[in-house]
N, C-alpha and C. Protein backbone atom coordinates (compact mmCIF):
# COMPACT_ATOMS: atom_id res chain seq x y z
N MET A 1 -147.04 -95.53 164.52
CA MET A 1 -146.26 -96.10 163.26
C MET A 1 -145.51 -94.42 163.21
N THR A 2 -144.25 -94.73 162.50
CA THR A 2 -143.32 -93.87 162.02
C THR A 2 -142.70 -94.27 161.00
N VAL A 3 -142.55 -93.27 160.03
CA VAL A 3 -141.51 -93.41 158.99
C VAL A 3 -140.48 -93.13 159.19
N HIS A 4 -139.03 -93.88 159.43
CA HIS A 4 -138.00 -93.42 159.81
C HIS A 4 -136.98 -92.72 158.48
N ARG A 5 -136.88 -93.47 157.40
CA ARG A 5 -135.91 -93.24 156.46
C ARG A 5 -136.11 -93.67 155.21
N ILE A 6 -135.74 -93.25 154.10
CA ILE A 6 -135.77 -93.94 152.79
C ILE A 6 -134.51 -95.11 152.74
N ASP A 7 -135.31 -96.20 152.59
CA ASP A 7 -134.51 -97.57 152.48
C ASP A 7 -133.51 -97.35 151.31
N HIS A 8 -134.21 -96.89 149.70
CA HIS A 8 -133.43 -96.77 148.81
C HIS A 8 -134.58 -96.13 148.10
N VAL A 9 -133.84 -95.58 146.39
CA VAL A 9 -134.58 -95.22 145.85
C VAL A 9 -134.43 -95.69 144.40
N GLN A 10 -135.62 -95.95 143.67
CA GLN A 10 -135.81 -96.80 142.40
C GLN A 10 -135.91 -95.86 141.05
N LEU A 11 -135.09 -96.03 140.32
CA LEU A 11 -135.25 -95.24 139.21
C LEU A 11 -135.66 -96.42 137.99
N ALA A 12 -136.54 -95.64 136.92
CA ALA A 12 -136.58 -96.85 136.00
C ALA A 12 -135.46 -96.79 134.45
N MET A 13 -135.42 -97.70 134.03
CA MET A 13 -134.42 -97.77 132.85
C MET A 13 -134.74 -98.77 131.96
N PRO A 14 -134.46 -98.31 130.41
CA PRO A 14 -135.14 -99.36 129.42
C PRO A 14 -134.40 -100.74 129.43
N ALA A 15 -135.22 -101.82 129.09
CA ALA A 15 -134.43 -103.07 128.94
C ALA A 15 -133.24 -103.50 128.27
N GLY A 16 -132.26 -103.94 128.79
CA GLY A 16 -131.15 -104.45 128.21
C GLY A 16 -129.95 -103.68 128.36
N ARG A 17 -129.98 -102.33 129.09
CA ARG A 17 -128.98 -101.38 129.04
C ARG A 17 -128.33 -101.55 130.12
N GLU A 18 -128.11 -102.57 131.11
CA GLU A 18 -127.12 -102.72 132.42
C GLU A 18 -126.30 -102.19 132.22
N ASP A 19 -125.61 -102.57 130.90
CA ASP A 19 -123.80 -102.12 131.15
C ASP A 19 -123.83 -100.39 131.14
N GLU A 20 -124.55 -100.05 130.21
CA GLU A 20 -124.72 -98.03 130.42
C GLU A 20 -124.85 -98.03 131.59
N ALA A 21 -125.67 -98.49 132.68
CA ALA A 21 -126.13 -98.12 133.98
C ALA A 21 -125.24 -98.23 135.05
N ALA A 22 -124.23 -99.26 134.49
CA ALA A 22 -122.93 -99.65 135.32
C ALA A 22 -121.72 -98.89 135.16
N ALA A 23 -121.80 -98.59 133.75
CA ALA A 23 -120.69 -97.53 133.22
C ALA A 23 -120.89 -96.13 134.21
N PHE A 24 -122.37 -95.76 134.23
CA PHE A 24 -122.41 -94.61 134.74
C PHE A 24 -122.38 -94.56 136.22
N TYR A 25 -123.33 -95.33 136.68
CA TYR A 25 -123.71 -95.33 138.35
C TYR A 25 -122.16 -95.82 139.25
N ALA A 26 -121.58 -96.96 138.74
CA ALA A 26 -120.37 -97.87 139.42
C ALA A 26 -118.97 -96.85 138.80
N GLY A 27 -119.39 -96.51 137.49
CA GLY A 27 -117.87 -96.25 136.57
C GLY A 27 -117.93 -94.45 137.05
N LEU A 28 -118.64 -93.85 136.92
CA LEU A 28 -118.50 -92.32 136.92
C LEU A 28 -118.53 -91.79 138.32
N LEU A 29 -120.12 -92.50 138.89
CA LEU A 29 -120.29 -91.77 140.26
C LEU A 29 -119.65 -92.49 141.37
N GLY A 30 -118.96 -93.83 141.13
CA GLY A 30 -118.36 -94.48 142.39
C GLY A 30 -119.51 -95.32 143.17
N ILE A 31 -120.34 -95.64 142.72
CA ILE A 31 -121.55 -96.64 143.61
C ILE A 31 -121.50 -98.01 143.31
N PRO A 32 -121.18 -98.82 143.92
CA PRO A 32 -120.42 -99.95 144.00
C PRO A 32 -121.99 -100.98 143.25
N LEU A 33 -121.76 -101.46 142.29
CA LEU A 33 -122.69 -102.36 141.33
C LEU A 33 -123.10 -103.68 142.35
N VAL A 34 -124.16 -104.28 143.13
CA VAL A 34 -123.99 -105.19 143.66
C VAL A 34 -125.41 -106.25 143.04
N PRO A 35 -125.21 -107.56 143.40
CA PRO A 35 -126.14 -108.51 142.80
C PRO A 35 -127.23 -108.02 143.30
N LYS A 36 -128.30 -108.63 142.41
CA LYS A 36 -129.70 -108.52 142.83
C LYS A 36 -130.27 -109.76 143.52
N PRO A 37 -130.78 -109.76 144.54
CA PRO A 37 -131.10 -111.18 144.66
C PRO A 37 -131.76 -111.96 143.65
N PRO A 38 -131.18 -113.16 143.60
CA PRO A 38 -131.31 -114.02 142.55
C PRO A 38 -133.19 -114.25 142.18
N HIS A 39 -133.94 -114.35 142.94
CA HIS A 39 -135.14 -114.18 142.47
C HIS A 39 -135.86 -113.12 141.76
N LEU A 40 -135.06 -111.64 142.05
CA LEU A 40 -135.35 -110.45 141.38
C LEU A 40 -134.59 -110.56 139.71
N ALA A 41 -133.33 -111.10 139.92
CA ALA A 41 -132.57 -110.56 138.78
C ALA A 41 -133.31 -111.11 137.45
N PRO A 42 -133.98 -111.92 137.13
CA PRO A 42 -134.47 -112.32 135.81
C PRO A 42 -135.38 -110.88 135.58
N ARG A 43 -136.02 -110.13 136.34
CA ARG A 43 -136.42 -108.71 135.67
C ARG A 43 -135.53 -107.66 134.94
N GLY A 44 -134.55 -108.22 135.10
CA GLY A 44 -133.26 -107.31 134.53
C GLY A 44 -132.97 -105.75 135.58
N GLY A 45 -132.52 -105.25 135.11
CA GLY A 45 -132.13 -104.12 135.73
C GLY A 45 -130.77 -104.10 136.74
N CYS A 46 -130.40 -103.27 137.82
CA CYS A 46 -129.38 -103.53 138.61
C CYS A 46 -129.50 -102.42 139.55
N TRP A 47 -128.54 -102.74 140.76
CA TRP A 47 -128.61 -102.22 142.03
C TRP A 47 -127.20 -101.83 142.19
N PHE A 48 -127.39 -100.44 142.58
CA PHE A 48 -126.13 -99.71 143.25
C PHE A 48 -125.74 -99.09 144.60
N GLU A 49 -125.18 -99.83 145.21
CA GLU A 49 -125.10 -99.79 147.46
C GLU A 49 -123.82 -99.61 147.59
N ASP A 50 -123.74 -98.36 148.51
CA ASP A 50 -122.66 -98.35 149.32
C ASP A 50 -123.26 -97.89 150.69
N GLY A 51 -122.99 -98.80 151.62
CA GLY A 51 -123.79 -98.10 152.84
C GLY A 51 -124.99 -98.12 152.78
N ASP A 52 -125.39 -97.04 153.59
CA ASP A 52 -126.99 -96.63 153.39
C ASP A 52 -127.56 -95.77 151.72
N LEU A 53 -126.46 -95.79 151.12
CA LEU A 53 -126.76 -95.08 149.68
C LEU A 53 -127.40 -96.40 149.03
N LYS A 54 -128.41 -96.29 148.44
CA LYS A 54 -129.16 -97.55 147.72
C LYS A 54 -129.87 -97.07 146.52
N ILE A 55 -129.08 -97.11 145.25
CA ILE A 55 -129.96 -96.75 143.90
C ILE A 55 -130.38 -98.16 143.07
N HIS A 56 -131.45 -98.04 142.90
CA HIS A 56 -131.94 -99.29 142.28
C HIS A 56 -132.16 -98.90 140.87
N LEU A 57 -131.94 -99.76 140.01
CA LEU A 57 -132.85 -99.23 138.52
C LEU A 57 -133.65 -100.54 137.79
N GLY A 58 -134.40 -100.21 137.77
CA GLY A 58 -135.70 -101.42 137.39
C GLY A 58 -136.22 -101.16 136.17
N VAL A 59 -136.66 -102.15 135.35
CA VAL A 59 -136.80 -102.12 133.92
C VAL A 59 -138.31 -101.94 134.01
N ASP A 60 -138.55 -101.23 133.00
CA ASP A 60 -139.91 -100.61 132.58
C ASP A 60 -140.18 -100.56 131.29
N ALA A 61 -140.93 -101.71 130.61
CA ALA A 61 -141.40 -101.66 129.32
C ALA A 61 -142.07 -100.37 128.65
N ASP A 62 -142.60 -99.60 129.69
CA ASP A 62 -143.04 -98.09 129.01
C ASP A 62 -142.40 -97.11 129.66
N PHE A 63 -140.96 -97.20 129.28
CA PHE A 63 -140.10 -96.30 130.14
C PHE A 63 -140.03 -95.10 129.41
N ARG A 64 -140.10 -93.76 130.51
CA ARG A 64 -140.11 -92.55 130.06
C ARG A 64 -139.05 -92.02 131.51
N PRO A 65 -138.02 -91.11 131.22
CA PRO A 65 -137.40 -90.82 132.04
C PRO A 65 -137.86 -90.13 133.35
N ALA A 66 -137.51 -89.61 134.49
CA ALA A 66 -137.82 -88.99 135.49
C ALA A 66 -137.01 -87.42 135.02
N ARG A 67 -137.75 -86.49 134.43
CA ARG A 67 -137.17 -85.22 134.10
C ARG A 67 -137.36 -84.49 135.65
N LYS A 68 -138.24 -84.31 136.06
CA LYS A 68 -138.56 -83.06 137.12
C LYS A 68 -137.95 -83.77 138.59
N ALA A 69 -138.85 -85.09 139.04
CA ALA A 69 -138.34 -85.91 140.06
C ALA A 69 -137.04 -86.43 140.14
N HIS A 70 -136.32 -86.23 141.26
CA HIS A 70 -135.16 -86.87 141.43
C HIS A 70 -134.58 -86.90 142.33
N PRO A 71 -133.60 -87.99 142.46
CA PRO A 71 -132.71 -88.28 144.00
C PRO A 71 -131.72 -87.08 143.63
N ALA A 72 -131.05 -86.56 145.22
CA ALA A 72 -130.29 -85.73 145.33
C ALA A 72 -128.89 -86.31 145.83
N LEU A 73 -128.09 -86.35 145.68
CA LEU A 73 -126.73 -86.94 146.05
C LEU A 73 -125.99 -85.95 146.95
N ILE A 74 -125.58 -86.49 147.93
CA ILE A 74 -124.50 -85.71 149.07
C ILE A 74 -122.97 -86.40 148.08
N VAL A 75 -122.57 -85.29 147.88
CA VAL A 75 -121.02 -85.73 147.20
C VAL A 75 -119.75 -85.08 148.10
N ASP A 76 -118.72 -85.65 147.69
CA ASP A 76 -117.55 -85.10 148.29
C ASP A 76 -116.61 -84.45 146.88
N ASP A 77 -116.17 -83.53 146.88
CA ASP A 77 -114.90 -83.02 145.83
C ASP A 77 -116.10 -82.96 144.37
N LEU A 78 -117.00 -82.08 144.47
CA LEU A 78 -118.29 -82.12 143.44
C LEU A 78 -117.24 -81.14 142.02
N ALA A 79 -116.30 -80.54 142.18
CA ALA A 79 -115.74 -80.06 141.08
C ALA A 79 -114.99 -81.38 140.35
N ALA A 80 -114.36 -82.19 141.03
CA ALA A 80 -113.79 -83.28 140.52
C ALA A 80 -114.53 -84.13 139.55
N LEU A 81 -115.92 -84.35 140.57
CA LEU A 81 -116.58 -85.32 139.74
C LEU A 81 -117.70 -84.55 138.44
N VAL A 82 -117.40 -83.56 138.62
CA VAL A 82 -118.29 -82.45 137.15
C VAL A 82 -117.14 -82.80 135.98
N HIS A 83 -115.79 -82.60 136.76
CA HIS A 83 -114.69 -82.97 135.21
C HIS A 83 -114.95 -84.19 134.84
N GLY A 84 -115.04 -85.21 135.69
CA GLY A 84 -115.39 -86.58 135.19
C GLY A 84 -116.54 -86.74 134.57
N LEU A 85 -117.50 -86.47 134.86
CA LEU A 85 -118.74 -86.66 134.02
C LEU A 85 -118.66 -85.72 132.81
N ILE A 86 -118.23 -84.55 132.89
CA ILE A 86 -117.87 -83.84 131.28
C ILE A 86 -117.04 -84.68 130.66
N ASP A 87 -115.93 -85.12 131.14
CA ASP A 87 -114.63 -85.67 130.11
C ASP A 87 -115.70 -87.00 129.65
N ALA A 88 -116.40 -87.83 130.26
CA ALA A 88 -117.18 -88.75 129.66
C ALA A 88 -118.31 -88.80 128.83
N GLY A 89 -118.44 -86.93 128.71
CA GLY A 89 -119.58 -86.78 127.62
C GLY A 89 -121.10 -86.68 128.13
N CYS A 90 -120.88 -86.34 129.39
CA CYS A 90 -122.14 -86.09 130.14
C CYS A 90 -122.39 -84.57 130.26
N ALA A 91 -124.01 -84.18 130.00
CA ALA A 91 -124.00 -82.58 130.67
C ALA A 91 -124.42 -82.19 131.74
N VAL A 92 -123.64 -81.36 132.49
CA VAL A 92 -123.87 -81.13 133.57
C VAL A 92 -124.50 -79.59 133.49
N THR A 93 -125.53 -79.56 134.63
CA THR A 93 -126.17 -78.27 134.63
C THR A 93 -126.38 -77.27 135.72
N ASP A 94 -125.80 -76.25 136.27
CA ASP A 94 -125.83 -75.46 137.10
C ASP A 94 -127.24 -75.42 137.32
N ASP A 95 -127.61 -75.01 138.75
CA ASP A 95 -128.71 -74.83 138.98
C ASP A 95 -128.67 -73.24 140.10
N GLU A 96 -129.92 -72.77 140.43
CA GLU A 96 -129.97 -71.57 141.29
C GLU A 96 -129.16 -71.86 142.74
N PRO A 97 -128.57 -71.41 143.61
CA PRO A 97 -127.93 -71.45 144.54
C PRO A 97 -128.84 -72.08 145.68
N LEU A 98 -128.50 -72.76 146.57
CA LEU A 98 -129.42 -73.34 147.54
C LEU A 98 -128.64 -73.25 148.87
N ALA A 99 -128.83 -72.49 149.66
CA ALA A 99 -127.89 -72.35 151.06
C ALA A 99 -127.27 -73.47 151.45
N GLY A 100 -125.89 -73.09 151.58
CA GLY A 100 -125.09 -74.57 152.43
C GLY A 100 -124.40 -75.58 151.49
N PHE A 101 -124.75 -75.28 149.95
CA PHE A 101 -124.59 -76.56 148.93
C PHE A 101 -124.01 -75.54 147.51
N HIS A 102 -123.06 -76.57 146.98
CA HIS A 102 -122.92 -76.38 145.63
C HIS A 102 -123.79 -77.69 144.92
N ARG A 103 -124.37 -77.01 143.90
CA ARG A 103 -124.90 -78.08 143.31
C ARG A 103 -125.34 -78.15 141.86
N VAL A 104 -125.33 -79.15 141.30
CA VAL A 104 -125.44 -79.27 139.78
C VAL A 104 -126.62 -80.52 139.68
N TYR A 105 -126.97 -80.42 138.28
CA TYR A 105 -127.96 -81.51 137.74
C TYR A 105 -126.80 -82.46 136.41
N VAL A 106 -127.42 -83.49 136.37
CA VAL A 106 -126.83 -84.59 135.47
C VAL A 106 -127.82 -85.49 134.82
N ASP A 107 -127.99 -85.97 133.85
CA ASP A 107 -128.93 -86.97 133.46
C ASP A 107 -128.07 -88.39 133.23
N ASP A 108 -128.70 -89.53 133.97
CA ASP A 108 -127.87 -91.07 133.50
C ASP A 108 -128.11 -91.15 132.20
N PRO A 109 -127.63 -92.09 131.84
CA PRO A 109 -127.75 -92.48 130.17
C PRO A 109 -129.14 -92.71 129.87
N PHE A 110 -129.96 -92.61 130.75
CA PHE A 110 -131.40 -92.93 130.09
C PHE A 110 -132.09 -91.88 130.42
N GLY A 111 -132.03 -90.49 130.72
CA GLY A 111 -132.53 -89.50 130.77
C GLY A 111 -132.93 -89.11 132.20
N ASN A 112 -132.61 -90.06 133.14
CA ASN A 112 -133.19 -89.41 134.63
C ASN A 112 -132.33 -88.29 135.14
N ARG A 113 -132.95 -87.60 135.97
CA ARG A 113 -132.48 -86.30 136.41
C ARG A 113 -131.88 -86.71 137.96
N LEU A 114 -130.46 -86.55 138.26
CA LEU A 114 -130.10 -86.62 139.51
C LEU A 114 -129.34 -85.17 139.99
N GLU A 115 -129.43 -84.97 140.87
CA GLU A 115 -129.04 -83.77 141.71
C GLU A 115 -127.61 -84.19 142.55
N LEU A 116 -126.55 -83.44 142.13
CA LEU A 116 -125.15 -83.68 142.85
C LEU A 116 -124.83 -82.60 143.80
N MET A 117 -124.75 -82.89 145.30
CA MET A 117 -124.62 -81.70 145.98
C MET A 117 -123.61 -81.82 146.91
N GLU A 118 -122.97 -80.78 147.08
CA GLU A 118 -121.54 -80.82 148.05
C GLU A 118 -122.00 -79.64 149.39
N PRO A 119 -121.86 -79.94 150.38
CA PRO A 119 -121.88 -78.89 151.40
C PRO A 119 -120.98 -77.86 151.47
N THR A 120 -121.26 -76.94 151.42
CA THR A 120 -119.86 -75.62 151.61
C THR A 120 -119.70 -75.68 153.08
């Protein structure tokens, strides 16, 4: 048996805030919102997918944001993305350099930490 890759990352979100999730993940990050399978849709939350990039947000009744654990997303034109995030009111934080990458952190609307990385 061998583990080959990650299929998707799931982050938690509070109930009823799917519009905010769509505005951030689809609107600002550009990851398309896709329909959840009909049998899962009543649970709430939403899925964002573009090829192999899959971020699923699931409703957690006892929601607490992921402050340390986080997905790291490889992006093109980090500077433009950062400007768009800041213009939308998001706080963007620089971190220690990592060989081969420019990188920053941003929180989604629910406080979940995301790392955005652009290869140098």
